[in-house]
PDB file of all heavy atoms in Angstrom:
ATOM      1  N   ILE A   1     163.990 206.614 123.439  1.00  0.00           N
ATOM      2  CA  ILE A   1     163.003 207.629 123.047  1.00  0.00           C
ATOM      3  C   ILE A   1     163.617 209.010 123.261  1.00  0.00           C
ATOM      4  O   ILE A   1     163.871 209.410 124.403  1.00  0.00           O
ATOM      5  CB  ILE A   1     161.708 207.505 123.868  1.00  0.00           C
ATOM      6  CG1 ILE A   1     161.110 206.101 123.714  1.00  0.00           C
ATOM      7  CG2 ILE A   1     160.697 208.556 123.437  1.00  0.00           C
ATOM      8  CD1 ILE A   1     159.884 205.865 124.597  1.00  0.00           C
ATOM      9  N   PRO A   2     163.884 209.777 122.200  1.00  0.00           N
ATOM     10  CA  PRO A   2     164.431 211.128 122.375  1.00  0.00           C
ATOM     11  C   PRO A   2     163.424 212.026 123.093  1.00  0.00           C
ATOM     12  O   PRO A   2     162.213 211.787 123.054  1.00  0.00           O
ATOM     13  CB  PRO A   2     164.665 211.602 120.924  1.00  0.00           C
ATOM     14  CG  PRO A   2     164.615 210.368 120.087  1.00  0.00           C
ATOM     15  CD  PRO A   2     163.707 209.411 120.787  1.00  0.00           C
ATOM     16  N   ASP A   3     163.941 213.057 123.755  1.00  0.00           N
ATOM     17  CA  ASP A   3     163.060 213.982 124.476  1.00  0.00           C
ATOM     18  C   ASP A   3     162.032 214.614 123.547  1.00  0.00           C
ATOM     19  O   ASP A   3     160.907 214.927 123.976  1.00  0.00           O
ATOM     20  CB  ASP A   3     163.898 215.085 125.136  1.00  0.00           C
ATOM     21  CG  ASP A   3     164.761 214.542 126.272  1.00  0.00           C
ATOM     22  OD1 ASP A   3     164.409 213.465 126.797  1.00  0.00           O
ATOM     23  OD2 ASP A   3     165.774 215.176 126.601  1.00  0.00           O
ATOM     24  N   SER A   4     162.405 214.777 122.280  1.00  0.00           N
ATOM     25  CA  SER A   4     161.498 215.415 121.321  1.00  0.00           C
ATOM     26  C   SER A   4     160.392 214.483 120.839  1.00  0.00           C
ATOM     27  O   SER A   4     159.454 214.914 120.160  1.00  0.00           O
ATOM     28  CB  SER A   4     162.284 215.923 120.113  1.00  0.00           C
ATOM     29  OG  SER A   4     162.960 214.843 119.477  1.00  0.00           O
ATOM     30  N   LEU A   5     160.529 213.183 121.173  1.00  0.00           N
ATOM     31  CA  LEU A   5     159.546 212.202 120.696  1.00  0.00           C
ATOM     32  C   LEU A   5     158.779 211.543 121.840  1.00  0.00           C
ATOM     33  O   LEU A   5     158.371 210.385 121.752  1.00  0.00           O
ATOM     34  CB  LEU A   5     160.237 211.140 119.835  1.00  0.00           C
ATOM     35  CG  LEU A   5     160.813 211.637 118.503  1.00  0.00           C
ATOM     36  CD1 LEU A   5     161.505 210.513 117.751  1.00  0.00           C
ATOM     37  CD2 LEU A   5     159.717 212.257 117.630  1.00  0.00           C
ATOM     38  N   GLY A   6     158.576 212.283 122.918  1.00  0.00           N
ATOM     39  CA  GLY A   6     157.686 211.819 123.975  1.00  0.00           C
ATOM     40  C   GLY A   6     158.356 211.050 125.076  1.00  0.00           C
ATOM     41  O   GLY A   6     159.571 211.098 125.274  1.00  0.00           O
ATOM     42  N   LYS A   7     157.550 210.266 125.801  1.00  0.00           N
ATOM     43  CA  LYS A   7     158.004 209.482 126.935  1.00  0.00           C
ATOM     44  C   LYS A   7     157.443 208.069 126.855  1.00  0.00           C
ATOM     45  O   LYS A   7     156.557 207.782 126.054  1.00  0.00           O
ATOM     46  CB  LYS A   7     157.573 210.145 128.254  1.00  0.00           C
ATOM     47  CG  LYS A   7     158.180 211.526 128.484  1.00  0.00           C
ATOM     48  CD  LYS A   7     157.710 212.103 129.821  1.00  0.00           C
ATOM     49  CE  LYS A   7     158.325 213.465 130.059  1.00  0.00           C
ATOM     50  NZ  LYS A   7     157.874 214.045 131.351  1.00  0.00           N
ATOM     51  N   PHE A   8     157.956 207.210 127.737  1.00  0.00           N
ATOM     52  CA  PHE A   8     157.524 205.817 127.746  1.00  0.00           C
ATOM     53  C   PHE A   8     156.289 205.668 128.634  1.00  0.00           C
ATOM     54  O   PHE A   8     156.385 205.618 129.857  1.00  0.00           O
ATOM     55  CB  PHE A   8     158.650 204.914 128.248  1.00  0.00           C
ATOM     56  CG  PHE A   8     158.361 203.448 128.135  1.00  0.00           C
ATOM     57  CD1 PHE A   8     158.497 202.786 126.928  1.00  0.00           C
ATOM     58  CD2 PHE A   8     157.954 202.715 129.241  1.00  0.00           C
ATOM     59  CE1 PHE A   8     158.233 201.426 126.820  1.00  0.00           C
ATOM     60  CE2 PHE A   8     157.686 201.357 129.149  1.00  0.00           C
ATOM     61  CZ  PHE A   8     157.826 200.718 127.933  1.00  0.00           C
ATOM     62  N   LEU A   9     155.123 205.631 128.002  1.00  0.00           N
ATOM     63  CA  LEU A   9     153.853 205.396 128.680  1.00  0.00           C
ATOM     64  C   LEU A   9     153.683 206.269 129.927  1.00  0.00           C
ATOM     65  O   LEU A   9     153.629 205.769 131.061  1.00  0.00           O
ATOM     66  CB  LEU A   9     153.718 203.909 129.069  1.00  0.00           C
ATOM     67  CG  LEU A   9     153.841 202.898 127.919  1.00  0.00           C
ATOM     68  CD1 LEU A   9     153.816 201.473 128.450  1.00  0.00           C
ATOM     69  CD2 LEU A   9     152.741 203.110 126.893  1.00  0.00           C
ATOM     70  N   PRO A  10     153.601 207.590 129.739  1.00  0.00           N
ATOM     71  CA  PRO A  10     153.468 208.500 130.893  1.00  0.00           C
ATOM     72  C   PRO A  10     152.213 208.215 131.705  1.00  0.00           C
ATOM     73  O   PRO A  10     151.155 207.880 131.170  1.00  0.00           O
ATOM     74  CB  PRO A  10     153.417 209.881 130.236  1.00  0.00           C
ATOM     75  CG  PRO A  10     152.990 209.627 128.823  1.00  0.00           C
ATOM     76  CD  PRO A  10     153.557 208.302 128.450  1.00  0.00           C
ATOM     77  N   ALA A  11     152.331 208.351 133.027  1.00  0.00           N
ATOM     78  CA  ALA A  11     151.237 208.010 133.938  1.00  0.00           C
ATOM     79  C   ALA A  11     150.046 208.941 133.799  1.00  0.00           C
ATOM     80  O   ALA A  11     148.904 208.546 134.085  1.00  0.00           O
ATOM     81  CB  ALA A  11     151.752 208.022 135.380  1.00  0.00           C
ATOM     82  N   ASP A  12     150.273 210.175 133.371  1.00  0.00           N
ATOM     83  CA  ASP A  12     149.179 211.141 133.299  1.00  0.00           C
ATOM     84  C   ASP A  12     148.452 211.133 131.958  1.00  0.00           C
ATOM     85  O   ASP A  12     147.580 211.961 131.706  1.00  0.00           O
ATOM     86  CB  ASP A  12     149.717 212.549 133.575  1.00  0.00           C
ATOM     87  CG  ASP A  12     150.821 212.956 132.597  1.00  0.00           C
ATOM     88  OD1 ASP A  12     151.284 212.082 131.821  1.00  0.00           O
ATOM     89  OD2 ASP A  12     151.225 214.138 132.616  1.00  0.00           O
ATOM     90  N   ALA A  13     148.795 210.176 131.087  1.00  0.00           N
ATOM     91  CA  ALA A  13     148.157 210.103 129.762  1.00  0.00           C
ATOM     92  C   ALA A  13     147.066 209.037 129.762  1.00  0.00           C
ATOM     93  O   ALA A  13     147.140 208.038 130.478  1.00  0.00           O
ATOM     94  CB  ALA A  13     149.187 209.795 128.692  1.00  0.00           C
ATOM     95  N   THR A  14     146.047 209.242 128.926  1.00  0.00           N
ATOM     96  CA  THR A  14     144.956 208.277 128.780  1.00  0.00           C
ATOM     97  C   THR A  14     145.231 207.373 127.589  1.00  0.00           C
ATOM     98  O   THR A  14     145.442 207.849 126.473  1.00  0.00           O
ATOM     99  CB  THR A  14     143.616 209.005 128.566  1.00  0.00           C
ATOM    100  OG1 THR A  14     143.371 209.876 129.681  1.00  0.00           O
ATOM    101  CG2 THR A  14     142.477 208.009 128.433  1.00  0.00           C
ATOM    102  N   ASN A  15     145.233 206.068 127.838  1.00  0.00           N
ATOM    103  CA  ASN A  15     145.503 205.075 126.797  1.00  0.00           C
ATOM    104  C   ASN A  15     146.715 205.453 125.928  1.00  0.00           C
ATOM    105  O   ASN A  15     146.621 205.582 124.708  1.00  0.00           O
ATOM    106  CB  ASN A  15     144.268 204.907 125.905  1.00  0.00           C
ATOM    107  CG  ASN A  15     143.270 203.936 126.500  1.00  0.00           C
ATOM    108  OD1 ASN A  15     143.295 203.662 127.689  1.00  0.00           O
ATOM    109  ND2 ASN A  15     142.367 203.429 125.666  1.00  0.00           N
ATOM    110  N   PRO A  16     147.885 205.595 126.542  1.00  0.00           N
ATOM    111  CA  PRO A  16     149.076 205.908 125.748  1.00  0.00           C
ATOM    112  C   PRO A  16     149.609 204.659 125.050  1.00  0.00           C
ATOM    113  O   PRO A  16     149.402 203.528 125.524  1.00  0.00           O
ATOM    114  CB  PRO A  16     150.063 206.406 126.801  1.00  0.00           C
ATOM    115  CG  PRO A  16     149.694 205.634 128.025  1.00  0.00           C
ATOM    116  CD  PRO A  16     148.197 205.494 127.977  1.00  0.00           C
ATOM    117  N   ILE A  17     150.293 204.843 123.957  1.00  0.00           N
ATOM    118  CA  ILE A  17     150.963 203.750 123.248  1.00  0.00           C
ATOM    119  C   ILE A  17     152.322 204.248 122.790  1.00  0.00           C
ATOM    120  O   ILE A  17     152.478 205.426 122.442  1.00  0.00           O
ATOM    121  CB  ILE A  17     150.123 203.246 122.049  1.00  0.00           C
ATOM    122  CG1 ILE A  17     150.762 201.978 121.446  1.00  0.00           C
ATOM    123  CG2 ILE A  17     149.963 204.331 120.988  1.00  0.00           C
ATOM    124  CD1 ILE A  17     149.880 201.290 120.405  1.00  0.00           C
ATOM    125  N   VAL A  18     153.290 203.369 122.828  1.00  0.00           N
ATOM    126  CA  VAL A  18     154.645 203.698 122.372  1.00  0.00           C
ATOM    127  C   VAL A  18     154.944 202.828 121.154  1.00  0.00           C
ATOM    128  O   VAL A  18     154.829 201.600 121.219  1.00  0.00           O
ATOM    129  CB  VAL A  18     155.687 203.450 123.485  1.00  0.00           C
ATOM    130  CG1 VAL A  18     157.095 203.646 122.939  1.00  0.00           C
ATOM    131  CG2 VAL A  18     155.431 204.380 124.655  1.00  0.00           C
ATOM    132  N   ILE A  19     155.313 203.465 120.062  1.00  0.00           N
ATOM    133  CA  ILE A  19     155.600 202.755 118.814  1.00  0.00           C
ATOM    134  C   ILE A  19     157.008 203.133 118.346  1.00  0.00           C
ATOM    135  O   ILE A  19     157.645 204.023 118.903  1.00  0.00           O
ATOM    136  CB  ILE A  19     154.563 203.093 117.726  1.00  0.00           C
ATOM    137  CG1 ILE A  19     154.668 204.579 117.334  1.00  0.00           C
ATOM    138  CG2 ILE A  19     153.152 202.746 118.197  1.00  0.00           C
ATOM    139  CD1 ILE A  19     153.755 204.964 116.188  1.00  0.00           C
ATOM    140  N   SER A  20     157.482 202.466 117.305  1.00  0.00           N
ATOM    141  CA  SER A  20     158.814 202.758 116.775  1.00  0.00           C
ATOM    142  C   SER A  20     158.736 203.768 115.641  1.00  0.00           C
ATOM    143  O   SER A  20     157.662 204.041 115.093  1.00  0.00           O
ATOM    144  CB  SER A  20     159.467 201.471 116.255  1.00  0.00           C
ATOM    145  OG  SER A  20     158.794 201.018 115.082  1.00  0.00           O
ATOM    146  N   THR A  21     159.874 204.310 115.274  1.00  0.00           N
ATOM    147  CA  THR A  21     159.930 205.254 114.149  1.00  0.00           C
ATOM    148  C   THR A  21     159.518 204.566 112.851  1.00  0.00           C
ATOM    149  O   THR A  21     158.871 205.186 112.003  1.00  0.00           O
ATOM    150  CB  THR A  21     161.348 205.826 113.999  1.00  0.00           C
ATOM    151  OG1 THR A  21     162.294 204.748 113.914  1.00  0.00           O
ATOM    152  CG2 THR A  21     161.709 206.699 115.178  1.00  0.00           C
ATOM    153  N   LYS A  22     159.886 203.288 112.713  1.00  0.00           N
ATOM    154  CA  LYS A  22     159.515 202.559 111.499  1.00  0.00           C
ATOM    155  C   LYS A  22     158.003 202.388 111.398  1.00  0.00           C
ATOM    156  O   LYS A  22     157.414 202.531 110.323  1.00  0.00           O
ATOM    157  CB  LYS A  22     160.213 201.197 111.455  1.00  0.00           C
ATOM    158  CG  LYS A  22     161.709 201.285 111.158  1.00  0.00           C
ATOM    159  CD  LYS A  22     162.297 199.906 110.992  1.00  0.00           C
ATOM    160  CE  LYS A  22     163.763 199.991 110.563  1.00  0.00           C
ATOM    161  NZ  LYS A  22     163.902 200.563 109.208  1.00  0.00           N
ATOM    162  N   THR A  23     157.363 202.052 112.523  1.00  0.00           N
ATOM    163  CA  THR A  23     155.908 201.910 112.528  1.00  0.00           C
ATOM    164  C   THR A  23     155.240 203.248 112.263  1.00  0.00           C
ATOM    165  O   THR A  23     154.240 203.322 111.519  1.00  0.00           O
ATOM    166  CB  THR A  23     155.431 201.348 113.879  1.00  0.00           C
ATOM    167  OG1 THR A  23     156.054 200.075 114.110  1.00  0.00           O
ATOM    168  CG2 THR A  23     153.925 201.168 113.905  1.00  0.00           C
ATOM    169  N   ALA A  24     155.779 204.313 112.841  1.00  0.00           N
ATOM    170  CA  ALA A  24     155.226 205.651 112.605  1.00  0.00           C
ATOM    171  C   ALA A  24     155.318 206.031 111.131  1.00  0.00           C
ATOM    172  O   ALA A  24     154.393 206.630 110.564  1.00  0.00           O
ATOM    173  CB  ALA A  24     155.969 206.673 113.465  1.00  0.00           C
ATOM    174  N   GLU A  25     156.422 205.661 110.497  1.00  0.00           N
ATOM    175  CA  GLU A  25     156.581 205.967 109.075  1.00  0.00           C
ATOM    176  C   GLU A  25     155.576 205.188 108.223  1.00  0.00           C
ATOM    177  O   GLU A  25     155.002 205.720 107.280  1.00  0.00           O
ATOM    178  CB  GLU A  25     158.007 205.634 108.633  1.00  0.00           C
ATOM    179  CG  GLU A  25     159.061 206.584 109.200  1.00  0.00           C
ATOM    180  CD  GLU A  25     160.469 206.099 108.941  1.00  0.00           C
ATOM    181  OE1 GLU A  25     160.620 205.026 108.289  1.00  0.00           O
ATOM    182  OE2 GLU A  25     161.435 206.768 109.380  1.00  0.00           O
TER     183      GLU A  25
END
């Protein structure tokens, strides 16, 4: 995960999700 594209499930976020660039597209 590049710094410009967030973090891996940050603790201070509510219901975070991590997806791939392909899924985002």
